[in-house]
PDB file of all heavy atoms in Angstrom:
ATOM      1  N   LEU A   1     -19.933   5.548  -1.860  1.00  0.00           N
ATOM      2  CA  LEU A   1     -18.814   4.654  -2.109  1.00  0.00           C
ATOM      3  C   LEU A   1     -17.806   4.783  -0.980  1.00  0.00           C
ATOM      4  O   LEU A   1     -17.574   5.870  -0.458  1.00  0.00           O
ATOM      5  CB  LEU A   1     -18.120   5.007  -3.433  1.00  0.00           C
ATOM      6  CG  LEU A   1     -18.938   4.899  -4.716  1.00  0.00           C
ATOM      7  CD1 LEU A   1     -18.124   5.446  -5.893  1.00  0.00           C
ATOM      8  CD2 LEU A   1     -19.348   3.463  -4.978  1.00  0.00           C
ATOM      9  N   ALA A   2     -17.198   3.669  -0.607  1.00  0.00           N
ATOM     10  CA  ALA A   2     -16.123   3.716   0.388  1.00  0.00           C
ATOM     11  C   ALA A   2     -14.929   4.453  -0.202  1.00  0.00           C
ATOM     12  O   ALA A   2     -14.623   4.320  -1.396  1.00  0.00           O
ATOM     13  CB  ALA A   2     -15.735   2.302   0.811  1.00  0.00           C
ATOM     14  N   ALA A   3     -14.248   5.234   0.610  1.00  0.00           N
ATOM     15  CA  ALA A   3     -13.076   5.963   0.139  1.00  0.00           C
ATOM     16  C   ALA A   3     -11.976   4.990  -0.262  1.00  0.00           C
ATOM     17  O   ALA A   3     -11.794   3.939   0.375  1.00  0.00           O
ATOM     18  CB  ALA A   3     -12.573   6.901   1.229  1.00  0.00           C
ATOM     19  N   PRO A   4     -11.232   5.299  -1.314  1.00  0.00           N
ATOM     20  CA  PRO A   4     -10.186   4.373  -1.775  1.00  0.00           C
ATOM     21  C   PRO A   4      -9.002   4.316  -0.813  1.00  0.00           C
ATOM     22  O   PRO A   4      -8.802   5.206   0.016  1.00  0.00           O
ATOM     23  CB  PRO A   4      -9.771   4.965  -3.124  1.00  0.00           C
ATOM     24  CG  PRO A   4     -10.097   6.414  -3.023  1.00  0.00           C
ATOM     25  CD  PRO A   4     -11.330   6.497  -2.173  1.00  0.00           C
ATOM     26  N   THR A   5      -8.224   3.263  -0.935  1.00  0.00           N
ATOM     27  CA  THR A   5      -6.962   3.092  -0.223  1.00  0.00           C
ATOM     28  C   THR A   5      -5.845   3.003  -1.250  1.00  0.00           C
ATOM     29  O   THR A   5      -5.953   2.232  -2.210  1.00  0.00           O
ATOM     30  CB  THR A   5      -6.979   1.825   0.638  1.00  0.00           C
ATOM     31  OG1 THR A   5      -7.872   2.016   1.750  1.00  0.00           O
ATOM     32  CG2 THR A   5      -5.596   1.485   1.173  1.00  0.00           C
ATOM     33  N   THR A   6      -4.793   3.798  -1.086  1.00  0.00           N
ATOM     34  CA  THR A   6      -3.657   3.719  -2.002  1.00  0.00           C
ATOM     35  C   THR A   6      -2.596   2.799  -1.411  1.00  0.00           C
ATOM     36  O   THR A   6      -2.533   2.582  -0.198  1.00  0.00           O
ATOM     37  CB  THR A   6      -3.051   5.100  -2.279  1.00  0.00           C
ATOM     38  OG1 THR A   6      -2.684   5.707  -1.039  1.00  0.00           O
ATOM     39  CG2 THR A   6      -4.038   5.979  -3.023  1.00  0.00           C
ATOM     40  N   LEU A   7      -1.751   2.277  -2.297  1.00  0.00           N
ATOM     41  CA  LEU A   7      -0.718   1.348  -1.856  1.00  0.00           C
ATOM     42  C   LEU A   7       0.588   1.626  -2.579  1.00  0.00           C
ATOM     43  O   LEU A   7       0.615   2.085  -3.722  1.00  0.00           O
ATOM     44  CB  LEU A   7      -1.153  -0.098  -2.082  1.00  0.00           C
ATOM     45  CG  LEU A   7      -1.347  -0.577  -3.537  1.00  0.00           C
ATOM     46  CD1 LEU A   7      -0.090  -1.260  -4.073  1.00  0.00           C
ATOM     47  CD2 LEU A   7      -2.526  -1.529  -3.629  1.00  0.00           C
ATOM     48  N   LYS A   8       1.677   1.327  -1.874  1.00  0.00           N
ATOM     49  CA  LYS A   8       3.024   1.355  -2.442  1.00  0.00           C
ATOM     50  C   LYS A   8       3.707   0.087  -1.965  1.00  0.00           C
ATOM     51  O   LYS A   8       3.786  -0.170  -0.768  1.00  0.00           O
ATOM     52  CB  LYS A   8       3.793   2.591  -1.991  1.00  0.00           C
ATOM     53  CG  LYS A   8       5.206   2.709  -2.571  1.00  0.00           C
ATOM     54  CD  LYS A   8       5.173   2.973  -4.081  1.00  0.00           C
ATOM     55  CE  LYS A   8       6.569   3.183  -4.645  1.00  0.00           C
ATOM     56  NZ  LYS A   8       7.159   4.466  -4.236  1.00  0.00           N
ATOM     57  N   LEU A   9       4.178  -0.711  -2.922  1.00  0.00           N
ATOM     58  CA  LEU A   9       4.744  -2.015  -2.608  1.00  0.00           C
ATOM     59  C   LEU A   9       6.083  -2.155  -3.311  1.00  0.00           C
ATOM     60  O   LEU A   9       6.206  -1.836  -4.492  1.00  0.00           O
ATOM     61  CB  LEU A   9       3.784  -3.111  -3.093  1.00  0.00           C
ATOM     62  CG  LEU A   9       3.893  -4.489  -2.474  1.00  0.00           C
ATOM     63  CD1 LEU A   9       3.395  -4.459  -1.043  1.00  0.00           C
ATOM     64  CD2 LEU A   9       3.042  -5.477  -3.278  1.00  0.00           C
ATOM     65  N   THR A  10       7.089  -2.616  -2.577  1.00  0.00           N
ATOM     66  CA  THR A  10       8.380  -2.925  -3.189  1.00  0.00           C
ATOM     67  C   THR A  10       8.788  -4.328  -2.768  1.00  0.00           C
ATOM     68  O   THR A  10       8.453  -4.778  -1.661  1.00  0.00           O
ATOM     69  CB  THR A  10       9.467  -1.936  -2.753  1.00  0.00           C
ATOM     70  OG1 THR A  10       9.638  -1.998  -1.340  1.00  0.00           O
ATOM     71  CG2 THR A  10       9.107  -0.523  -3.169  1.00  0.00           C
ATOM     72  N   TRP A  11       9.527  -5.021  -3.648  1.00  0.00           N
ATOM     73  CA  TRP A  11       9.954  -6.374  -3.307  1.00  0.00           C
ATOM     74  C   TRP A  11      11.306  -6.691  -3.922  1.00  0.00           C
ATOM     75  O   TRP A  11      11.744  -6.063  -4.884  1.00  0.00           O
ATOM     76  CB  TRP A  11       8.922  -7.414  -3.752  1.00  0.00           C
ATOM     77  CG  TRP A  11       8.825  -7.590  -5.242  1.00  0.00           C
ATOM     78  CD1 TRP A  11       9.623  -8.364  -6.050  1.00  0.00           C
ATOM     79  CD2 TRP A  11       7.860  -6.985  -6.112  1.00  0.00           C
ATOM     80  NE1 TRP A  11       9.220  -8.278  -7.355  1.00  0.00           N
ATOM     81  CE2 TRP A  11       8.140  -7.439  -7.430  1.00  0.00           C
ATOM     82  CE3 TRP A  11       6.787  -6.108  -5.921  1.00  0.00           C
ATOM     83  CZ2 TRP A  11       7.377  -7.050  -8.524  1.00  0.00           C
ATOM     84  CZ3 TRP A  11       6.044  -5.721  -7.009  1.00  0.00           C
ATOM     85  CH2 TRP A  11       6.336  -6.193  -8.298  1.00  0.00           C
ATOM     86  N   GLN A  12      11.910  -7.714  -3.333  1.00  0.00           N
ATOM     87  CA  GLN A  12      13.150  -8.275  -3.858  1.00  0.00           C
ATOM     88  C   GLN A  12      13.213  -9.725  -3.404  1.00  0.00           C
ATOM     89  O   GLN A  12      13.061 -10.017  -2.219  1.00  0.00           O
ATOM     90  CB  GLN A  12      14.357  -7.509  -3.336  1.00  0.00           C
ATOM     91  CG  GLN A  12      15.703  -8.020  -3.867  1.00  0.00           C
ATOM     92  CD  GLN A  12      16.871  -7.259  -3.296  1.00  0.00           C
ATOM     93  OE1 GLN A  12      17.057  -7.205  -2.086  1.00  0.00           O
ATOM     94  NE2 GLN A  12      17.649  -6.634  -4.166  1.00  0.00           N
ATOM     95  N   TRP A  13      13.424 -10.650  -4.346  1.00  0.00           N
ATOM     96  CA  TRP A  13      13.571 -12.049  -3.952  1.00  0.00           C
ATOM     97  C   TRP A  13      14.637 -12.737  -4.788  1.00  0.00           C
ATOM     98  O   TRP A  13      14.947 -12.312  -5.900  1.00  0.00           O
ATOM     99  CB  TRP A  13      12.251 -12.810  -4.005  1.00  0.00           C
ATOM    100  CG  TRP A  13      11.690 -13.110  -5.368  1.00  0.00           C
ATOM    101  CD1 TRP A  13      12.203 -13.947  -6.326  1.00  0.00           C
ATOM    102  CD2 TRP A  13      10.453 -12.619  -5.914  1.00  0.00           C
ATOM    103  NE1 TRP A  13      11.377 -13.993  -7.430  1.00  0.00           N
ATOM    104  CE2 TRP A  13      10.290 -13.195  -7.199  1.00  0.00           C
ATOM    105  CE3 TRP A  13       9.459 -11.764  -5.438  1.00  0.00           C
ATOM    106  CZ2 TRP A  13       9.185 -12.928  -8.007  1.00  0.00           C
ATOM    107  CZ3 TRP A  13       8.365 -11.504  -6.240  1.00  0.00           C
ATOM    108  CH2 TRP A  13       8.239 -12.083  -7.505  1.00  0.00           C
ATOM    109  N   ASP A  14      15.182 -13.794  -4.203  1.00  0.00           N
ATOM    110  CA  ASP A  14      16.142 -14.670  -4.861  1.00  0.00           C
ATOM    111  C   ASP A  14      15.719 -16.097  -4.537  1.00  0.00           C
ATOM    112  O   ASP A  14      15.850 -16.550  -3.396  1.00  0.00           O
ATOM    113  CB  ASP A  14      17.554 -14.391  -4.358  1.00  0.00           C
ATOM    114  CG  ASP A  14      18.616 -15.248  -5.069  1.00  0.00           C
ATOM    115  OD1 ASP A  14      18.231 -16.193  -5.786  1.00  0.00           O
ATOM    116  OD2 ASP A  14      19.807 -14.965  -4.906  1.00  0.00           O
ATOM    117  N   LEU A  15      15.184 -16.800  -5.531  1.00  0.00           N
ATOM    118  CA  LEU A  15      14.673 -18.163  -5.348  1.00  0.00           C
ATOM    119  C   LEU A  15      15.519 -19.167  -6.114  1.00  0.00           C
ATOM    120  O   LEU A  15      15.068 -20.267  -6.430  1.00  0.00           O
ATOM    121  CB  LEU A  15      13.214 -18.244  -5.814  1.00  0.00           C
ATOM    122  CG  LEU A  15      12.256 -17.204  -5.224  1.00  0.00           C
ATOM    123  CD1 LEU A  15      10.861 -17.360  -5.831  1.00  0.00           C
ATOM    124  CD2 LEU A  15      12.202 -17.307  -3.714  1.00  0.00           C
ATOM    125  N   GLY A  16      16.754 -18.793  -6.403  1.00  0.00           N
ATOM    126  CA  GLY A  16      17.576 -19.605  -7.291  1.00  0.00           C
ATOM    127  C   GLY A  16      18.243 -20.797  -6.650  1.00  0.00           C
ATOM    128  O   GLY A  16      18.584 -21.756  -7.333  1.00  0.00           O
ATOM    129  N   GLN A  17      18.456 -20.774  -5.335  1.00  0.00           N
ATOM    130  CA  GLN A  17      19.202 -21.839  -4.681  1.00  0.00           C
ATOM    131  C   GLN A  17      18.311 -22.526  -3.660  1.00  0.00           C
ATOM    132  O   GLN A  17      17.867 -21.913  -2.689  1.00  0.00           O
ATOM    133  CB  GLN A  17      20.451 -21.286  -3.993  1.00  0.00           C
ATOM    134  CG  GLN A  17      21.311 -22.355  -3.330  1.00  0.00           C
ATOM    135  CD  GLN A  17      22.549 -21.778  -2.681  1.00  0.00           C
ATOM    136  OE1 GLN A  17      22.809 -20.588  -2.794  1.00  0.00           O
ATOM    137  NE2 GLN A  17      23.314 -22.613  -1.998  1.00  0.00           N
ATOM    138  N   SER A  18      18.029 -23.803  -3.871  1.00  0.00           N
ATOM    139  CA  SER A  18      17.185 -24.547  -2.955  1.00  0.00           C
ATOM    140  C   SER A  18      17.778 -24.544  -1.554  1.00  0.00           C
ATOM    141  O   SER A  18      18.942 -24.892  -1.348  1.00  0.00           O
ATOM    142  CB  SER A  18      17.022 -25.988  -3.455  1.00  0.00           C
ATOM    143  OG  SER A  18      16.210 -26.733  -2.565  1.00  0.00           O
ATOM    144  N   GLY A  19      16.978 -24.126  -0.574  1.00  0.00           N
ATOM    145  CA  GLY A  19      17.445 -24.015   0.790  1.00  0.00           C
ATOM    146  C   GLY A  19      18.086 -22.681   1.109  1.00  0.00           C
ATOM    147  O   GLY A  19      18.326 -22.371   2.278  1.00  0.00           O
ATOM    148  N   GLY A  20      18.357 -21.879   0.091  1.00  0.00           N
ATOM    149  CA  GLY A  20      18.954 -20.565   0.300  1.00  0.00           C
ATOM    150  C   GLY A  20      18.064 -19.444  -0.209  1.00  0.00           C
ATOM    151  O   GLY A  20      18.530 -18.309  -0.359  1.00  0.00           O
ATOM    152  N   GLU A  21      16.802 -19.718  -0.460  1.00  0.00           N
ATOM    153  CA  GLU A  21      15.899 -18.697  -1.000  1.00  0.00           C
ATOM    154  C   GLU A  21      15.688 -17.572   0.022  1.00  0.00           C
ATOM    155  O   GLU A  21      15.786 -17.773   1.233  1.00  0.00           O
ATOM    156  CB  GLU A  21      14.532 -19.306  -1.346  1.00  0.00           C
ATOM    157  CG  GLU A  21      14.587 -20.426  -2.368  1.00  0.00           C
ATOM    158  CD  GLU A  21      14.580 -21.807  -1.736  1.00  0.00           C
ATOM    159  OE1 GLU A  21      15.044 -21.920  -0.556  1.00  0.00           O
ATOM    160  OE2 GLU A  21      14.118 -22.748  -2.374  1.00  0.00           O
ATOM    161  N   ARG A  22      15.360 -16.398  -0.508  1.00  0.00           N
ATOM    162  CA  ARG A  22      15.051 -15.265   0.360  1.00  0.00           C
ATOM    163  C   ARG A  22      14.019 -14.371  -0.318  1.00  0.00           C
ATOM    164  O   ARG A  22      13.905 -14.343  -1.546  1.00  0.00           O
ATOM    165  CB  ARG A  22      16.310 -14.451   0.678  1.00  0.00           C
ATOM    166  CG  ARG A  22      16.986 -13.850  -0.542  1.00  0.00           C
ATOM    167  CD  ARG A  22      18.216 -13.031  -0.164  1.00  0.00           C
ATOM    168  NE  ARG A  22      18.956 -12.582  -1.322  1.00  0.00           N
ATOM    169  CZ  ARG A  22      18.666 -11.489  -2.023  1.00  0.00           C
ATOM    170  NH1 ARG A  22      17.640 -10.725  -1.664  1.00  0.00           N
ATOM    171  NH2 ARG A  22      19.405 -11.146  -3.077  1.00  0.00           N
ATOM    172  N   CYS A  23      13.271 -13.618   0.509  1.00  0.00           N
ATOM    173  CA  CYS A  23      12.289 -12.670  -0.027  1.00  0.00           C
ATOM    174  C   CYS A  23      12.073 -11.549   0.979  1.00  0.00           C
ATOM    175  O   CYS A  23      11.990 -11.794   2.189  1.00  0.00           O
ATOM    176  CB  CYS A  23      10.958 -13.374  -0.314  1.00  0.00           C
ATOM    177  SG  CYS A  23       9.695 -12.263  -1.005  1.00  0.00           S
ATOM    178  N   HIS A  24      11.977 -10.327   0.471  1.00  0.00           N
ATOM    179  CA  HIS A  24      11.673  -9.167   1.299  1.00  0.00           C
ATOM    180  C   HIS A  24      10.658  -8.307   0.538  1.00  0.00           C
ATOM    181  O   HIS A  24      10.914  -7.877  -0.586  1.00  0.00           O
ATOM    182  CB  HIS A  24      12.925  -8.341   1.596  1.00  0.00           C
ATOM    183  CG  HIS A  24      12.658  -7.175   2.496  1.00  0.00           C
ATOM    184  ND1 HIS A  24      12.665  -7.276   3.867  1.00  0.00           N
ATOM    185  CD2 HIS A  24      12.350  -5.885   2.205  1.00  0.00           C
ATOM    186  CE1 HIS A  24      12.385  -6.086   4.390  1.00  0.00           C
ATOM    187  NE2 HIS A  24      12.192  -5.228   3.410  1.00  0.00           N
ATOM    188  N   VAL A  25       9.499  -8.074   1.167  1.00  0.00           N
ATOM    189  CA  VAL A  25       8.438  -7.236   0.595  1.00  0.00           C
ATOM    190  C   VAL A  25       8.026  -6.215   1.641  1.00  0.00           C
ATOM    191  O   VAL A  25       7.804  -6.566   2.804  1.00  0.00           O
ATOM    192  CB  VAL A  25       7.209  -8.063   0.174  1.00  0.00           C
ATOM    193  CG1 VAL A  25       6.201  -7.173  -0.561  1.00  0.00           C
ATOM    194  CG2 VAL A  25       7.604  -9.244  -0.693  1.00  0.00           C
ATOM    195  N   GLU A  26       7.931  -4.955   1.248  1.00  0.00           N
ATOM    196  CA  GLU A  26       7.424  -3.904   2.121  1.00  0.00           C
ATOM    197  C   GLU A  26       6.236  -3.232   1.453  1.00  0.00           C
ATOM    198  O   GLU A  26       6.289  -2.909   0.257  1.00  0.00           O
ATOM    199  CB  GLU A  26       8.494  -2.860   2.424  1.00  0.00           C
ATOM    200  CG  GLU A  26       9.650  -3.376   3.259  1.00  0.00           C
ATOM    201  CD  GLU A  26      10.559  -2.262   3.742  1.00  0.00           C
ATOM    202  OE1 GLU A  26      10.149  -1.085   3.635  1.00  0.00           O
ATOM    203  OE2 GLU A  26      11.663  -2.574   4.217  1.00  0.00           O
ATOM    204  N   GLY A  27       5.161  -3.035   2.215  1.00  0.00           N
ATOM    205  CA  GLY A  27       3.974  -2.393   1.681  1.00  0.00           C
ATOM    206  C   GLY A  27       3.514  -1.259   2.573  1.00  0.00           C
ATOM    207  O   GLY A  27       3.586  -1.346   3.807  1.00  0.00           O
ATOM    208  N   THR A  28       3.046  -0.179   1.963  1.00  0.00           N
ATOM    209  CA  THR A  28       2.449   0.948   2.681  1.00  0.00           C
ATOM    210  C   THR A  28       1.056   1.187   2.112  1.00  0.00           C
ATOM    211  O   THR A  28       0.898   1.338   0.890  1.00  0.00           O
ATOM    212  CB  THR A  28       3.297   2.217   2.528  1.00  0.00           C
ATOM    213  OG1 THR A  28       4.613   1.969   3.022  1.00  0.00           O
ATOM    214  CG2 THR A  28       2.685   3.376   3.296  1.00  0.00           C
ATOM    215  N   PHE A  29       0.057   1.225   2.990  1.00  0.00           N
ATOM    216  CA  PHE A  29      -1.336   1.402   2.592  1.00  0.00           C
ATOM    217  C   PHE A  29      -1.886   2.630   3.313  1.00  0.00           C
ATOM    218  O   PHE A  29      -1.811   2.718   4.537  1.00  0.00           O
ATOM    219  CB  PHE A  29      -2.159   0.160   2.945  1.00  0.00           C
ATOM    220  CG  PHE A  29      -1.681  -1.088   2.253  1.00  0.00           C
ATOM    221  CD1 PHE A  29      -0.639  -1.830   2.775  1.00  0.00           C
ATOM    222  CD2 PHE A  29      -2.257  -1.507   1.069  1.00  0.00           C
ATOM    223  CE1 PHE A  29      -0.170  -2.973   2.138  1.00  0.00           C
ATOM    224  CE2 PHE A  29      -1.806  -2.647   0.418  1.00  0.00           C
ATOM    225  CZ  PHE A  29      -0.762  -3.377   0.956  1.00  0.00           C
ATOM    226  N   THR A  30      -2.430   3.580   2.538  1.00  0.00           N
ATOM    227  CA  THR A  30      -2.882   4.854   3.098  1.00  0.00           C
ATOM    228  C   THR A  30      -4.374   5.030   2.851  1.00  0.00           C
ATOM    229  O   THR A  30      -4.857   4.874   1.716  1.00  0.00           O
ATOM    230  CB  THR A  30      -2.119   6.021   2.461  1.00  0.00           C
ATOM    231  OG1 THR A  30      -0.711   5.830   2.669  1.00  0.00           O
ATOM    232  CG2 THR A  30      -2.543   7.342   3.082  1.00  0.00           C
ATOM    233  N   SER A  31      -5.112   5.366   3.916  1.00  0.00           N
ATOM    234  CA  SER A  31      -6.556   5.581   3.840  1.00  0.00           C
ATOM    235  C   SER A  31      -6.903   6.878   4.554  1.00  0.00           C
ATOM    236  O   SER A  31      -6.194   7.304   5.476  1.00  0.00           O
ATOM    237  CB  SER A  31      -7.316   4.418   4.495  1.00  0.00           C
ATOM    238  OG  SER A  31      -6.894   3.173   3.999  1.00  0.00           O
ATOM    239  N   GLN A  32      -7.999   7.496   4.160  1.00  0.00           N
ATOM    240  CA  GLN A  32      -8.396   8.736   4.806  1.00  0.00           C
ATOM    241  C   GLN A  32      -9.172   8.448   6.083  1.00  0.00           C
ATOM    242  O   GLN A  32      -9.775   7.385   6.252  1.00  0.00           O
ATOM    243  CB  GLN A  32      -9.235   9.589   3.871  1.00  0.00           C
ATOM    244  CG  GLN A  32     -10.661   9.104   3.646  1.00  0.00           C
ATOM    245  CD  GLN A  32     -11.446  10.088   2.772  1.00  0.00           C
ATOM    246  OE1 GLN A  32     -10.929  10.623   1.804  1.00  0.00           O
ATOM    247  NE2 GLN A  32     -12.701  10.314   3.126  1.00  0.00           N
ATOM    248  N   THR A  33      -9.131   9.393   7.028  1.00  0.00           N
ATOM    249  CA  THR A  33      -9.931   9.328   8.249  1.00  0.00           C
ATOM    250  C   THR A  33     -10.731  10.625   8.358  1.00  0.00           C
ATOM    251  O   THR A  33     -10.566  11.556   7.557  1.00  0.00           O
ATOM    252  CB  THR A  33      -9.050   9.155   9.493  1.00  0.00           C
ATOM    253  OG1 THR A  33      -8.397  10.398   9.783  1.00  0.00           O
ATOM    254  CG2 THR A  33      -8.005   8.067   9.289  1.00  0.00           C
ATOM    255  N   ALA A  34     -11.549  10.713   9.404  1.00  0.00           N
ATOM    256  CA  ALA A  34     -12.355  11.919   9.597  1.00  0.00           C
ATOM    257  C   ALA A  34     -11.548  13.054  10.219  1.00  0.00           C
ATOM    258  O   ALA A  34     -11.994  14.203  10.228  1.00  0.00           O
ATOM    259  CB  ALA A  34     -13.550  11.592  10.493  1.00  0.00           C
ATOM    260  N   SER A  35     -10.356  12.747  10.730  1.00  0.00           N
ATOM    261  CA  SER A  35      -9.547  13.770  11.385  1.00  0.00           C
ATOM    262  C   SER A  35      -9.018  14.796  10.366  1.00  0.00           C
ATOM    263  O   SER A  35      -8.778  14.473   9.207  1.00  0.00           O
ATOM    264  CB  SER A  35      -8.367  13.112  12.107  1.00  0.00           C
ATOM    265  OG  SER A  35      -7.480  14.079  12.621  1.00  0.00           O
ATOM    266  N   SER A  36      -8.830  16.018  10.834  1.00  0.00           N
ATOM    267  CA  SER A  36      -8.240  17.065   9.986  1.00  0.00           C
ATOM    268  C   SER A  36      -6.817  17.400  10.422  1.00  0.00           C
ATOM    269  O   SER A  36      -6.226  18.367   9.941  1.00  0.00           O
ATOM    270  CB  SER A  36      -9.096  18.329  10.038  1.00  0.00           C
ATOM    271  OG  SER A  36      -9.246  18.785  11.377  1.00  0.00           O
ATOM    272  N   THR A  37      -6.258  16.586  11.345  1.00  0.00           N
ATOM    273  CA  THR A  37      -4.875  16.796  11.779  1.00  0.00           C
ATOM    274  C   THR A  37      -3.918  16.272  10.728  1.00  0.00           C
ATOM    275  O   THR A  37      -4.047  15.124  10.293  1.00  0.00           O
ATOM    276  CB  THR A  37      -4.626  16.071  13.115  1.00  0.00           C
ATOM    277  OG1 THR A  37      -5.547  16.547  14.102  1.00  0.00           O
ATOM    278  CG2 THR A  37      -3.197  16.287  13.590  1.00  0.00           C
ATOM    279  N   PRO A  38      -2.942  17.087  10.290  1.00  0.00           N
ATOM    280  CA  PRO A  38      -2.005  16.627   9.253  1.00  0.00           C
ATOM    281  C   PRO A  38      -1.160  15.454   9.745  1.00  0.00           C
ATOM    282  O   PRO A  38      -0.879  15.360  10.944  1.00  0.00           O
ATOM    283  CB  PRO A  38      -1.144  17.869   8.991  1.00  0.00           C
ATOM    284  CG  PRO A  38      -1.940  19.021   9.514  1.00  0.00           C
ATOM    285  CD  PRO A  38      -2.708  18.479  10.683  1.00  0.00           C
ATOM    286  N   PRO A  39      -0.696  14.608   8.828  1.00  0.00           N
ATOM    287  CA  PRO A  39      -1.024  14.608   7.396  1.00  0.00           C
ATOM    288  C   PRO A  39      -2.468  14.168   7.153  1.00  0.00           C
ATOM    289  O   PRO A  39      -3.029  13.415   7.948  1.00  0.00           O
ATOM    290  CB  PRO A  39      -0.030  13.597   6.820  1.00  0.00           C
ATOM    291  CG  PRO A  39       0.256  12.675   7.954  1.00  0.00           C
ATOM    292  CD  PRO A  39       0.230  13.516   9.191  1.00  0.00           C
ATOM    293  N   VAL A  40      -3.006  14.636   6.034  1.00  0.00           N
ATOM    294  CA  VAL A  40      -4.416  14.415   5.723  1.00  0.00           C
ATOM    295  C   VAL A  40      -4.553  13.772   4.352  1.00  0.00           C
ATOM    296  O   VAL A  40      -3.930  14.210   3.381  1.00  0.00           O
ATOM    297  CB  VAL A  40      -5.204  15.736   5.755  1.00  0.00           C
ATOM    298  CG1 VAL A  40      -6.648  15.509   5.334  1.00  0.00           C
ATOM    299  CG2 VAL A  40      -5.152  16.361   7.146  1.00  0.00           C
ATOM    300  N   ALA A  41      -5.366  12.720   4.274  1.00  0.00           N
ATOM    301  CA  ALA A  41      -5.725  12.108   2.992  1.00  0.00           C
ATOM    302  C   ALA A  41      -7.179  12.459   2.679  1.00  0.00           C
ATOM    303  O   ALA A  41      -8.047  12.359   3.553  1.00  0.00           O
ATOM    304  CB  ALA A  41      -5.551  10.592   3.045  1.00  0.00           C
ATOM    305  N   ARG A  42      -7.432  12.867   1.448  1.00  0.00           N
ATOM    306  CA  ARG A  42      -8.791  13.164   1.006  1.00  0.00           C
ATOM    307  C   ARG A  42      -8.996  12.560  -0.383  1.00  0.00           C
ATOM    308  O   ARG A  42      -8.059  12.491  -1.196  1.00  0.00           O
ATOM    309  CB  ARG A  42      -9.041  14.671   0.966  1.00  0.00           C
ATOM    310  CG  ARG A  42      -9.077  15.324   2.342  1.00  0.00           C
ATOM    311  CD  ARG A  42     -10.262  14.831   3.158  1.00  0.00           C
ATOM    312  NE  ARG A  42     -10.326  15.436   4.483  1.00  0.00           N
ATOM    313  CZ  ARG A  42      -9.912  14.842   5.602  1.00  0.00           C
ATOM    314  NH1 ARG A  42      -9.374  13.621   5.533  1.00  0.00           N
ATOM    315  NH2 ARG A  42     -10.034  15.454   6.774  1.00  0.00           N
ATOM    316  N   SER A  43     -10.230  12.141  -0.671  1.00  0.00           N
ATOM    317  CA  SER A  43     -10.489  11.433  -1.924  1.00  0.00           C
ATOM    318  C   SER A  43     -11.739  11.950  -2.614  1.00  0.00           C
ATOM    319  O   SER A  43     -12.620  12.546  -1.984  1.00  0.00           O
ATOM    320  CB  SER A  43     -10.636   9.928  -1.670  1.00  0.00           C
ATOM    321  OG  SER A  43     -11.743   9.669  -0.826  1.00  0.00           O
ATOM    322  N   ALA A  44     -11.796  11.696  -3.920  1.00  0.00           N
ATOM    323  CA  ALA A  44     -12.966  12.011  -4.740  1.00  0.00           C
ATOM    324  C   ALA A  44     -13.135  10.903  -5.762  1.00  0.00           C
ATOM    325  O   ALA A  44     -12.146  10.357  -6.263  1.00  0.00           O
ATOM    326  CB  ALA A  44     -12.788  13.363  -5.439  1.00  0.00           C
ATOM    327  N   GLN A  45     -14.399  10.578  -6.070  1.00  0.00           N
ATOM    328  CA  GLN A  45     -14.698   9.491  -6.998  1.00  0.00           C
ATOM    329  C   GLN A  45     -15.857   9.853  -7.918  1.00  0.00           C
ATOM    330  O   GLN A  45     -16.775  10.561  -7.522  1.00  0.00           O
ATOM    331  CB  GLN A  45     -15.059   8.210  -6.231  1.00  0.00           C
ATOM    332  CG  GLN A  45     -13.900   7.643  -5.411  1.00  0.00           C
ATOM    333  CD  GLN A  45     -14.351   6.589  -4.423  1.00  0.00           C
ATOM    334  OE1 GLN A  45     -14.723   6.912  -3.288  1.00  0.00           O
ATOM    335  NE2 GLN A  45     -14.328   5.339  -4.840  1.00  0.00           N
ATOM    336  N   VAL A  46     -15.752   9.314  -9.127  1.00  0.00           N
ATOM    337  CA  VAL A  46     -16.836   9.435 -10.111  1.00  0.00           C
ATOM    338  C   VAL A  46     -17.191   8.036 -10.576  1.00  0.00           C
ATOM    339  O   VAL A  46     -16.298   7.240 -10.886  1.00  0.00           O
ATOM    340  CB  VAL A  46     -16.415  10.309 -11.310  1.00  0.00           C
ATOM    341  CG1 VAL A  46     -17.427  10.189 -12.448  1.00  0.00           C
ATOM    342  CG2 VAL A  46     -16.260  11.762 -10.881  1.00  0.00           C
ATOM    343  N   LEU A  47     -18.485   7.740 -10.619  1.00  0.00           N
ATOM    344  CA  LEU A  47     -18.927   6.428 -11.099  1.00  0.00           C
ATOM    345  C   LEU A  47     -20.296   6.547 -11.752  1.00  0.00           C
ATOM    346  O   LEU A  47     -21.241   7.025 -11.130  1.00  0.00           O
ATOM    347  CB  LEU A  47     -19.002   5.420  -9.940  1.00  0.00           C
ATOM    348  CG  LEU A  47     -19.502   4.016 -10.327  1.00  0.00           C
ATOM    349  CD1 LEU A  47     -18.467   3.294 -11.182  1.00  0.00           C
ATOM    350  CD2 LEU A  47     -19.824   3.187  -9.083  1.00  0.00           C
ATOM    351  N   TRP A  48     -20.367   6.169 -13.031  1.00  0.00           N
ATOM    352  CA  TRP A  48     -21.664   6.036 -13.699  1.00  0.00           C
ATOM    353  C   TRP A  48     -21.594   4.939 -14.750  1.00  0.00           C
ATOM    354  O   TRP A  48     -20.525   4.629 -15.276  1.00  0.00           O
ATOM    355  CB  TRP A  48     -22.138   7.357 -14.325  1.00  0.00           C
ATOM    356  CG  TRP A  48     -21.205   8.047 -15.269  1.00  0.00           C
ATOM    357  CD1 TRP A  48     -20.356   9.062 -14.987  1.00  0.00           C
ATOM    358  CD2 TRP A  48     -21.054   7.782 -16.681  1.00  0.00           C
ATOM    359  NE1 TRP A  48     -19.669   9.455 -16.119  1.00  0.00           N
ATOM    360  CE2 TRP A  48     -20.085   8.685 -17.180  1.00  0.00           C
ATOM    361  CE3 TRP A  48     -21.645   6.882 -17.561  1.00  0.00           C
ATOM    362  CZ2 TRP A  48     -19.694   8.698 -18.508  1.00  0.00           C
ATOM    363  CZ3 TRP A  48     -21.255   6.902 -18.890  1.00  0.00           C
ATOM    364  CH2 TRP A  48     -20.286   7.793 -19.353  1.00  0.00           C
TER     365      TRP A  48
END
């Protein structure tokens, strides 16, 4: 199985005024690599 990717997402929007709408979304996605240099992500999975 491919190693999982974790995510952290935050948002804020104001769509109340036509022509004055705004939106801000920030996302962080973390995946493991083969490197052992910190920081290090490691995963384990069970599937049956």
